[in-house]
PDB file of all heavy atoms in Angstrom:
ATOM      1  N   GLU A   1      17.666-105.816-153.002  1.00  0.00           N
ATOM      2  CA  GLU A   1      16.788-104.724-153.422  1.00  0.00           C
ATOM      3  C   GLU A   1      16.763-104.554-154.940  1.00  0.00           C
ATOM      4  O   GLU A   1      15.888-103.889-155.476  1.00  0.00           O
ATOM      5  CB  GLU A   1      17.193-103.400-152.748  1.00  0.00           C
ATOM      6  CG  GLU A   1      18.492-102.800-153.233  1.00  0.00           C
ATOM      7  CD  GLU A   1      19.761-103.477-152.728  1.00  0.00           C
ATOM      8  OE1 GLU A   1      19.683-104.346-151.842  1.00  0.00           O
ATOM      9  OE2 GLU A   1      20.845-103.144-153.242  1.00  0.00           O
ATOM     10  N   GLN A   2      17.709-105.170-155.647  1.00  0.00           N
ATOM     11  CA  GLN A   2      17.778-105.086-157.110  1.00  0.00           C
ATOM     12  C   GLN A   2      17.089-106.271-157.802  1.00  0.00           C
ATOM     13  O   GLN A   2      17.120-106.380-159.020  1.00  0.00           O
ATOM     14  CB  GLN A   2      19.244-105.040-157.572  1.00  0.00           C
ATOM     15  CG  GLN A   2      19.997-103.822-157.106  1.00  0.00           C
ATOM     16  CD  GLN A   2      19.682-102.590-157.925  1.00  0.00           C
ATOM     17  OE1 GLN A   2      18.990-102.655-158.931  1.00  0.00           O
ATOM     18  NE2 GLN A   2      20.173-101.455-157.487  1.00  0.00           N
ATOM     19  N   SER A   3      16.486-107.197-157.041  1.00  0.00           N
ATOM     20  CA  SER A   3      15.852-108.394-157.612  1.00  0.00           C
ATOM     21  C   SER A   3      14.720-108.016-158.561  1.00  0.00           C
ATOM     22  O   SER A   3      13.985-107.067-158.324  1.00  0.00           O
ATOM     23  CB  SER A   3      15.306-109.278-156.492  1.00  0.00           C
ATOM     24  OG  SER A   3      16.347-109.694-155.649  1.00  0.00           O
ATOM     25  N   ARG A   4      14.609-108.791-159.631  1.00  0.00           N
ATOM     26  CA  ARG A   4      13.557-108.573-160.633  1.00  0.00           C
ATOM     27  C   ARG A   4      12.955-109.904-161.018  1.00  0.00           C
ATOM     28  O   ARG A   4      13.506-110.948-160.722  1.00  0.00           O
ATOM     29  CB  ARG A   4      14.140-107.893-161.880  1.00  0.00           C
ATOM     30  CG  ARG A   4      14.637-106.489-161.557  1.00  0.00           C
ATOM     31  CD  ARG A   4      14.688-105.542-162.696  1.00  0.00           C
ATOM     32  NE  ARG A   4      13.494-105.533-163.514  1.00  0.00           N
ATOM     33  CZ  ARG A   4      13.514-105.308-164.817  1.00  0.00           C
ATOM     34  NH1 ARG A   4      14.636-105.117-165.440  1.00  0.00           N
ATOM     35  NH2 ARG A   4      12.398-105.271-165.510  1.00  0.00           N
ATOM     36  N   GLY A   5      11.831-109.848-161.720  1.00  0.00           N
ATOM     37  CA  GLY A   5      11.167-111.081-162.089  1.00  0.00           C
ATOM     38  C   GLY A   5      10.407-111.019-163.392  1.00  0.00           C
ATOM     39  O   GLY A   5      10.178-109.945-163.950  1.00  0.00           O
ATOM     40  N   ILE A   6      10.012-112.218-163.850  1.00  0.00           N
ATOM     41  CA  ILE A   6       9.151-112.377-165.019  1.00  0.00           C
ATOM     42  C   ILE A   6       8.037-113.331-164.606  1.00  0.00           C
ATOM     43  O   ILE A   6       8.305-114.433-164.117  1.00  0.00           O
ATOM     44  CB  ILE A   6       9.900-112.967-166.228  1.00  0.00           C
ATOM     45  CG1 ILE A   6      11.026-112.045-166.672  1.00  0.00           C
ATOM     46  CG2 ILE A   6       8.933-113.249-167.379  1.00  0.00           C
ATOM     47  CD1 ILE A   6      11.925-112.640-167.734  1.00  0.00           C
ATOM     48  N   ILE A   7       6.805-112.912-164.799  1.00  0.00           N
ATOM     49  CA  ILE A   7       5.657-113.723-164.454  1.00  0.00           C
ATOM     50  C   ILE A   7       5.196-114.438-165.716  1.00  0.00           C
ATOM     51  O   ILE A   7       4.991-113.816-166.760  1.00  0.00           O
ATOM     52  CB  ILE A   7       4.518-112.853-163.871  1.00  0.00           C
ATOM     53  CG1 ILE A   7       4.979-112.160-162.581  1.00  0.00           C
ATOM     54  CG2 ILE A   7       3.285-113.691-163.589  1.00  0.00           C
ATOM     55  CD1 ILE A   7       5.604-110.836-162.768  1.00  0.00           C
ATOM     56  N   VAL A   8       5.041-115.772-165.624  1.00  0.00           N
ATOM     57  CA  VAL A   8       4.562-116.581-166.743  1.00  0.00           C
ATOM     58  C   VAL A   8       3.136-117.003-166.414  1.00  0.00           C
ATOM     59  O   VAL A   8       2.903-117.746-165.449  1.00  0.00           O
ATOM     60  CB  VAL A   8       5.446-117.829-166.968  1.00  0.00           C
ATOM     61  CG1 VAL A   8       4.950-118.625-168.167  1.00  0.00           C
ATOM     62  CG2 VAL A   8       6.902-117.431-167.154  1.00  0.00           C
ATOM     63  N   ALA A   9       2.173-116.526-167.173  1.00  0.00           N
ATOM     64  CA  ALA A   9       0.756-116.839-166.956  1.00  0.00           C
ATOM     65  C   ALA A   9       0.396-118.149-167.646  1.00  0.00           C
ATOM     66  O   ALA A   9       1.079-118.593-168.572  1.00  0.00           O
ATOM     67  CB  ALA A   9      -0.117-115.705-167.474  1.00  0.00           C
ATOM     68  N   THR A  10      -0.694-118.748-167.218  1.00  0.00           N
ATOM     69  CA  THR A  10      -1.173-119.995-167.828  1.00  0.00           C
ATOM     70  C   THR A  10      -1.459-119.795-169.311  1.00  0.00           C
ATOM     71  O   THR A  10      -1.305-120.717-170.108  1.00  0.00           O
ATOM     72  CB  THR A  10      -2.447-120.478-167.106  1.00  0.00           C
ATOM     73  OG1 THR A  10      -2.148-120.599-165.712  1.00  0.00           O
ATOM     74  CG2 THR A  10      -2.908-121.821-167.610  1.00  0.00           C
ATOM     75  N   SER A  11      -1.824-118.587-169.679  1.00  0.00           N
ATOM     76  CA  SER A  11      -2.089-118.271-171.093  1.00  0.00           C
ATOM     77  C   SER A  11      -0.809-118.267-171.925  1.00  0.00           C
ATOM     78  O   SER A  11      -0.862-118.166-173.143  1.00  0.00           O
ATOM     79  CB  SER A  11      -2.762-116.902-171.206  1.00  0.00           C
ATOM     80  OG  SER A  11      -1.872-115.891-170.770  1.00  0.00           O
ATOM     81  N   GLY A  12       0.354-118.337-171.256  1.00  0.00           N
ATOM     82  CA  GLY A  12       1.635-118.283-171.947  1.00  0.00           C
ATOM     83  C   GLY A  12       2.197-116.880-172.048  1.00  0.00           C
ATOM     84  O   GLY A  12       3.340-116.686-172.435  1.00  0.00           O
ATOM     85  N   ARG A  13       1.392-115.895-171.674  1.00  0.00           N
ATOM     86  CA  ARG A  13       1.857-114.511-171.736  1.00  0.00           C
ATOM     87  C   ARG A  13       2.878-114.247-170.638  1.00  0.00           C
ATOM     88  O   ARG A  13       2.844-114.859-169.573  1.00  0.00           O
ATOM     89  CB  ARG A  13       0.687-113.555-171.599  1.00  0.00           C
ATOM     90  CG  ARG A  13      -0.251-113.680-172.765  1.00  0.00           C
ATOM     91  CD  ARG A  13      -1.314-112.634-172.715  1.00  0.00           C
ATOM     92  NE  ARG A  13      -1.301-112.020-174.036  1.00  0.00           N
ATOM     93  CZ  ARG A  13      -1.742-110.822-174.287  1.00  0.00           C
ATOM     94  NH1 ARG A  13      -2.232-110.084-173.340  1.00  0.00           N
ATOM     95  NH2 ARG A  13      -1.693-110.343-175.509  1.00  0.00           N
ATOM     96  N   LEU A  14       3.758-113.293-170.906  1.00  0.00           N
ATOM     97  CA  LEU A  14       4.831-112.940-169.982  1.00  0.00           C
ATOM     98  C   LEU A  14       4.638-111.512-169.496  1.00  0.00           C
ATOM     99  O   LEU A  14       4.258-110.633-170.260  1.00  0.00           O
ATOM    100  CB  LEU A  14       6.187-113.051-170.685  1.00  0.00           C
ATOM    101  CG  LEU A  14       6.499-114.392-171.328  1.00  0.00           C
ATOM    102  CD1 LEU A  14       7.768-114.293-172.159  1.00  0.00           C
ATOM    103  CD2 LEU A  14       6.629-115.471-170.277  1.00  0.00           C
ATOM    104  N   TYR A  15       4.928-111.312-168.214  1.00  0.00           N
ATOM    105  CA  TYR A  15       4.828-109.982-167.622  1.00  0.00           C
ATOM    106  C   TYR A  15       6.078-109.743-166.788  1.00  0.00           C
ATOM    107  O   TYR A  15       6.428-110.560-165.942  1.00  0.00           O
ATOM    108  CB  TYR A  15       3.596-109.876-166.714  1.00  0.00           C
ATOM    109  CG  TYR A  15       2.307-110.194-167.425  1.00  0.00           C
ATOM    110  CD1 TYR A  15       1.800-111.491-167.446  1.00  0.00           C
ATOM    111  CD2 TYR A  15       1.604-109.197-168.097  1.00  0.00           C
ATOM    112  CE1 TYR A  15       0.619-111.787-168.109  1.00  0.00           C
ATOM    113  CE2 TYR A  15       0.428-109.484-168.760  1.00  0.00           C
ATOM    114  CZ  TYR A  15      -0.065-110.789-168.760  1.00  0.00           C
ATOM    115  OH  TYR A  15      -1.227-111.076-169.421  1.00  0.00           O
ATOM    116  N   LYS A  16       6.735-108.613-167.025  1.00  0.00           N
ATOM    117  CA  LYS A  16       7.889-108.259-166.196  1.00  0.00           C
ATOM    118  C   LYS A  16       7.399-107.658-164.887  1.00  0.00           C
ATOM    119  O   LYS A  16       6.345-107.027-164.841  1.00  0.00           O
ATOM    120  CB  LYS A  16       8.799-107.268-166.928  1.00  0.00           C
ATOM    121  CG  LYS A  16       9.556-107.889-168.086  1.00  0.00           C
ATOM    122  CD  LYS A  16      10.503-106.902-168.700  1.00  0.00           C
ATOM    123  CE  LYS A  16      11.237-107.525-169.876  1.00  0.00           C
ATOM    124  NZ  LYS A  16      12.131-106.579-170.536  1.00  0.00           N
ATOM    125  N   SER A  17       8.171-107.863-163.830  1.00  0.00           N
ATOM    126  CA  SER A  17       7.824-107.267-162.543  1.00  0.00           C
ATOM    127  C   SER A  17       7.905-105.743-162.680  1.00  0.00           C
ATOM    128  O   SER A  17       8.530-105.221-163.588  1.00  0.00           O
ATOM    129  CB  SER A  17       8.773-107.767-161.456  1.00  0.00           C
ATOM    130  OG  SER A  17      10.119-107.456-161.771  1.00  0.00           O
ATOM    131  N   TYR A  18       7.259-105.061-161.758  1.00  0.00           N
ATOM    132  CA  TYR A  18       7.261-103.594-161.816  1.00  0.00           C
ATOM    133  C   TYR A  18       7.800-103.037-160.507  1.00  0.00           C
ATOM    134  O   TYR A  18       7.723-103.676-159.463  1.00  0.00           O
ATOM    135  CB  TYR A  18       5.858-103.052-162.098  1.00  0.00           C
ATOM    136  CG  TYR A  18       4.871-103.300-160.979  1.00  0.00           C
ATOM    137  CD1 TYR A  18       4.659-102.331-159.997  1.00  0.00           C
ATOM    138  CD2 TYR A  18       4.168-104.491-160.899  1.00  0.00           C
ATOM    139  CE1 TYR A  18       3.771-102.555-158.964  1.00  0.00           C
ATOM    140  CE2 TYR A  18       3.282-104.724-159.862  1.00  0.00           C
ATOM    141  CZ  TYR A  18       3.087-103.764-158.898  1.00  0.00           C
ATOM    142  OH  TYR A  18       2.214-103.987-157.872  1.00  0.00           O
ATOM    143  N   GLN A  19       8.329-101.840-160.567  1.00  0.00           N
ATOM    144  CA  GLN A  19       8.938-101.206-159.401  1.00  0.00           C
ATOM    145  C   GLN A  19       7.895-100.459-158.581  1.00  0.00           C
ATOM    146  O   GLN A  19       7.124 -99.675-159.121  1.00  0.00           O
ATOM    147  CB  GLN A  19      10.041-100.254-159.848  1.00  0.00           C
ATOM    148  CG  GLN A  19      11.005 -99.899-158.748  1.00  0.00           C
ATOM    149  CD  GLN A  19      12.183 -99.136-159.302  1.00  0.00           C
ATOM    150  OE1 GLN A  19      12.023 -97.997-159.725  1.00  0.00           O
ATOM    151  NE2 GLN A  19      13.347 -99.755-159.293  1.00  0.00           N
ATOM    152  N   SER A  20       7.894-100.731-157.282  1.00  0.00           N
ATOM    153  CA  SER A  20       6.982-100.061-156.366  1.00  0.00           C
ATOM    154  C   SER A  20       7.346 -98.574-156.273  1.00  0.00           C
ATOM    155  O   SER A  20       8.504 -98.225-156.119  1.00  0.00           O
ATOM    156  CB  SER A  20       7.070-100.716-154.988  1.00  0.00           C
ATOM    157  OG  SER A  20       6.230-100.045-154.077  1.00  0.00           O
ATOM    158  N   GLN A  21       6.333 -97.718-156.349  1.00  0.00           N
ATOM    159  CA  GLN A  21       6.577 -96.267-156.357  1.00  0.00           C
ATOM    160  C   GLN A  21       6.341 -95.603-155.004  1.00  0.00           C
ATOM    161  O   GLN A  21       6.631 -94.426-154.834  1.00  0.00           O
ATOM    162  CB  GLN A  21       5.691 -95.599-157.409  1.00  0.00           C
ATOM    163  CG  GLN A  21       5.950 -96.077-158.812  1.00  0.00           C
ATOM    164  CD  GLN A  21       7.363 -95.802-159.278  1.00  0.00           C
ATOM    165  OE1 GLN A  21       7.912 -94.732-159.039  1.00  0.00           O
ATOM    166  NE2 GLN A  21       7.967 -96.767-159.941  1.00  0.00           N
ATOM    167  N   SER A  22       5.784 -96.364-154.035  1.00  0.00           N
ATOM    168  CA  SER A  22       5.497 -95.770-152.732  1.00  0.00           C
ATOM    169  C   SER A  22       5.521 -96.829-151.643  1.00  0.00           C
ATOM    170  O   SER A  22       5.649 -98.015-151.916  1.00  0.00           O
ATOM    171  CB  SER A  22       4.131 -95.082-152.766  1.00  0.00           C
ATOM    172  OG  SER A  22       3.123 -96.048-153.011  1.00  0.00           O
ATOM    173  N   GLY A  23       5.378 -96.387-150.409  1.00  0.00           N
ATOM    174  CA  GLY A  23       5.311 -97.295-149.275  1.00  0.00           C
ATOM    175  C   GLY A  23       6.680 -97.739-148.810  1.00  0.00           C
ATOM    176  O   GLY A  23       7.713 -97.250-149.263  1.00  0.00           O
ATOM    177  N   LYS A  24       6.670 -98.711-147.898  1.00  0.00           N
ATOM    178  CA  LYS A  24       7.935 -99.164-147.313  1.00  0.00           C
ATOM    179  C   LYS A  24       8.789 -99.963-148.298  1.00  0.00           C
ATOM    180  O   LYS A  24       9.963-100.161-148.073  1.00  0.00           O
ATOM    181  CB  LYS A  24       7.694 -99.967-146.037  1.00  0.00           C
ATOM    182  CG  LYS A  24       7.015-101.294-146.238  1.00  0.00           C
ATOM    183  CD  LYS A  24       6.854-102.013-144.924  1.00  0.00           C
ATOM    184  CE  LYS A  24       6.242-103.383-145.145  1.00  0.00           C
ATOM    185  NZ  LYS A  24       6.151-104.137-143.907  1.00  0.00           N
ATOM    186  N   HIS A  25       8.192-100.432-149.388  1.00  0.00           N
ATOM    187  CA  HIS A  25       8.940-101.201-150.380  1.00  0.00           C
ATOM    188  C   HIS A  25       9.255-100.380-151.630  1.00  0.00           C
ATOM    189  O   HIS A  25       9.492-100.937-152.702  1.00  0.00           O
ATOM    190  CB  HIS A  25       8.164-102.457-150.776  1.00  0.00           C
ATOM    191  CG  HIS A  25       7.909-103.379-149.640  1.00  0.00           C
ATOM    192  ND1 HIS A  25       8.919-104.032-148.972  1.00  0.00           N
ATOM    193  CD2 HIS A  25       6.762-103.763-149.035  1.00  0.00           C
ATOM    194  CE1 HIS A  25       8.408-104.776-148.028  1.00  0.00           C
ATOM    195  NE2 HIS A  25       7.097-104.630-148.030  1.00  0.00           N
ATOM    196  N   LYS A  26       9.256 -99.064-151.478  1.00  0.00           N
ATOM    197  CA  LYS A  26       9.517 -98.187-152.624  1.00  0.00           C
ATOM    198  C   LYS A  26      10.858 -98.543-153.278  1.00  0.00           C
ATOM    199  O   LYS A  26      11.864 -98.723-152.616  1.00  0.00           O
ATOM    200  CB  LYS A  26       9.544 -96.734-152.168  1.00  0.00           C
ATOM    201  CG  LYS A  26       9.734 -95.761-153.301  1.00  0.00           C
ATOM    202  CD  LYS A  26       9.700 -94.327-152.841  1.00  0.00           C
ATOM    203  CE  LYS A  26       9.864 -93.415-154.039  1.00  0.00           C
ATOM    204  NZ  LYS A  26       9.838 -92.023-153.663  1.00  0.00           N
ATOM    205  N   GLY A  27      10.819 -98.692-154.607  1.00  0.00           N
ATOM    206  CA  GLY A  27      12.026 -98.986-155.359  1.00  0.00           C
ATOM    207  C   GLY A  27      12.277-100.469-155.573  1.00  0.00           C
ATOM    208  O   GLY A  27      13.128-100.847-156.362  1.00  0.00           O
ATOM    209  N   LYS A  28      11.523-101.339-154.892  1.00  0.00           N
ATOM    210  CA  LYS A  28      11.688-102.779-155.063  1.00  0.00           C
ATOM    211  C   LYS A  28      10.670-103.288-156.071  1.00  0.00           C
ATOM    212  O   LYS A  28       9.568-102.773-156.174  1.00  0.00           O
ATOM    213  CB  LYS A  28      11.516-103.502-153.725  1.00  0.00           C
ATOM    214  CG  LYS A  28      12.604-103.158-152.732  1.00  0.00           C
ATOM    215  CD  LYS A  28      12.428-103.937-151.455  1.00  0.00           C
ATOM    216  CE  LYS A  28      13.543-103.581-150.473  1.00  0.00           C
ATOM    217  NZ  LYS A  28      13.380-104.269-149.207  1.00  0.00           N
ATOM    218  N   ASP A  29      11.041-104.336-156.797  1.00  0.00           N
ATOM    219  CA  ASP A  29      10.146-104.903-157.802  1.00  0.00           C
ATOM    220  C   ASP A  29       9.101-105.806-157.159  1.00  0.00           C
ATOM    221  O   ASP A  29       9.387-106.531-156.215  1.00  0.00           O
ATOM    222  CB  ASP A  29      10.938-105.680-158.850  1.00  0.00           C
ATOM    223  CG  ASP A  29      11.348-104.803-160.016  1.00  0.00           C
ATOM    224  OD1 ASP A  29      11.583-103.608-159.798  1.00  0.00           O
ATOM    225  OD2 ASP A  29      11.411-105.329-161.149  1.00  0.00           O
ATOM    226  N   LYS A  30       7.878-105.766-157.750  1.00  0.00           N
ATOM    227  CA  LYS A  30       6.763-106.593-157.289  1.00  0.00           C
ATOM    228  C   LYS A  30       6.209-107.392-158.460  1.00  0.00           C
ATOM    229  O   LYS A  30       6.352-106.999-159.615  1.00  0.00           O
ATOM    230  CB  LYS A  30       5.636-105.707-156.740  1.00  0.00           C
ATOM    231  CG  LYS A  30       5.983-104.937-155.490  1.00  0.00           C
ATOM    232  CD  LYS A  30       4.779-104.127-155.029  1.00  0.00           C
ATOM    233  CE  LYS A  30       5.053-103.425-153.720  1.00  0.00           C
ATOM    234  NZ  LYS A  30       3.871-102.696-153.228  1.00  0.00           N
ATOM    235  N   ASN A  31       5.540-108.520-158.132  1.00  0.00           N
ATOM    236  CA  ASN A  31       4.861-109.266-159.181  1.00  0.00           C
ATOM    237  C   ASN A  31       3.460-108.702-159.367  1.00  0.00           C
ATOM    238  O   ASN A  31       3.084-107.716-158.727  1.00  0.00           O
ATOM    239  CB  ASN A  31       4.844-110.769-158.887  1.00  0.00           C
ATOM    240  CG  ASN A  31       4.036-111.126-157.659  1.00  0.00           C
ATOM    241  OD1 ASN A  31       3.242-110.335-157.139  1.00  0.00           O
ATOM    242  ND2 ASN A  31       4.227-112.327-157.170  1.00  0.00           N
ATOM    243  N   ARG A  32       2.635-109.305-160.192  1.00  0.00           N
ATOM    244  CA  ARG A  32       1.311-108.777-160.488  1.00  0.00           C
ATOM    245  C   ARG A  32       0.380-108.811-159.284  1.00  0.00           C
ATOM    246  O   ARG A  32      -0.597-108.082-159.225  1.00  0.00           O
ATOM    247  CB  ARG A  32       0.698-109.560-161.649  1.00  0.00           C
ATOM    248  CG  ARG A  32       1.451-109.321-162.943  1.00  0.00           C
ATOM    249  CD  ARG A  32       0.943-110.167-164.072  1.00  0.00           C
ATOM    250  NE  ARG A  32      -0.388-109.755-164.464  1.00  0.00           N
ATOM    251  CZ  ARG A  32      -1.226-110.530-165.128  1.00  0.00           C
ATOM    252  NH1 ARG A  32      -0.882-111.743-165.456  1.00  0.00           N
ATOM    253  NH2 ARG A  32      -2.419-110.093-165.454  1.00  0.00           N
ATOM    254  N   SER A  33       0.672-109.665-158.298  1.00  0.00           N
ATOM    255  CA  SER A  33      -0.137-109.746-157.081  1.00  0.00           C
ATOM    256  C   SER A  33       0.324-108.745-156.034  1.00  0.00           C
ATOM    257  O   SER A  33      -0.248-108.679-154.950  1.00  0.00           O
ATOM    258  CB  SER A  33      -0.056-111.146-156.487  1.00  0.00           C
ATOM    259  OG  SER A  33      -0.474-112.102-157.409  1.00  0.00           O
TER     260      SER A  33
END
């Protein structure tokens, strides 16, 4: 439940995963999709 990520886009830009604020996965990190 503490897993985190970094998304690397084709453009070279980096995005950190974000924490879900609602639903059954509340508190878990998600990617941009």
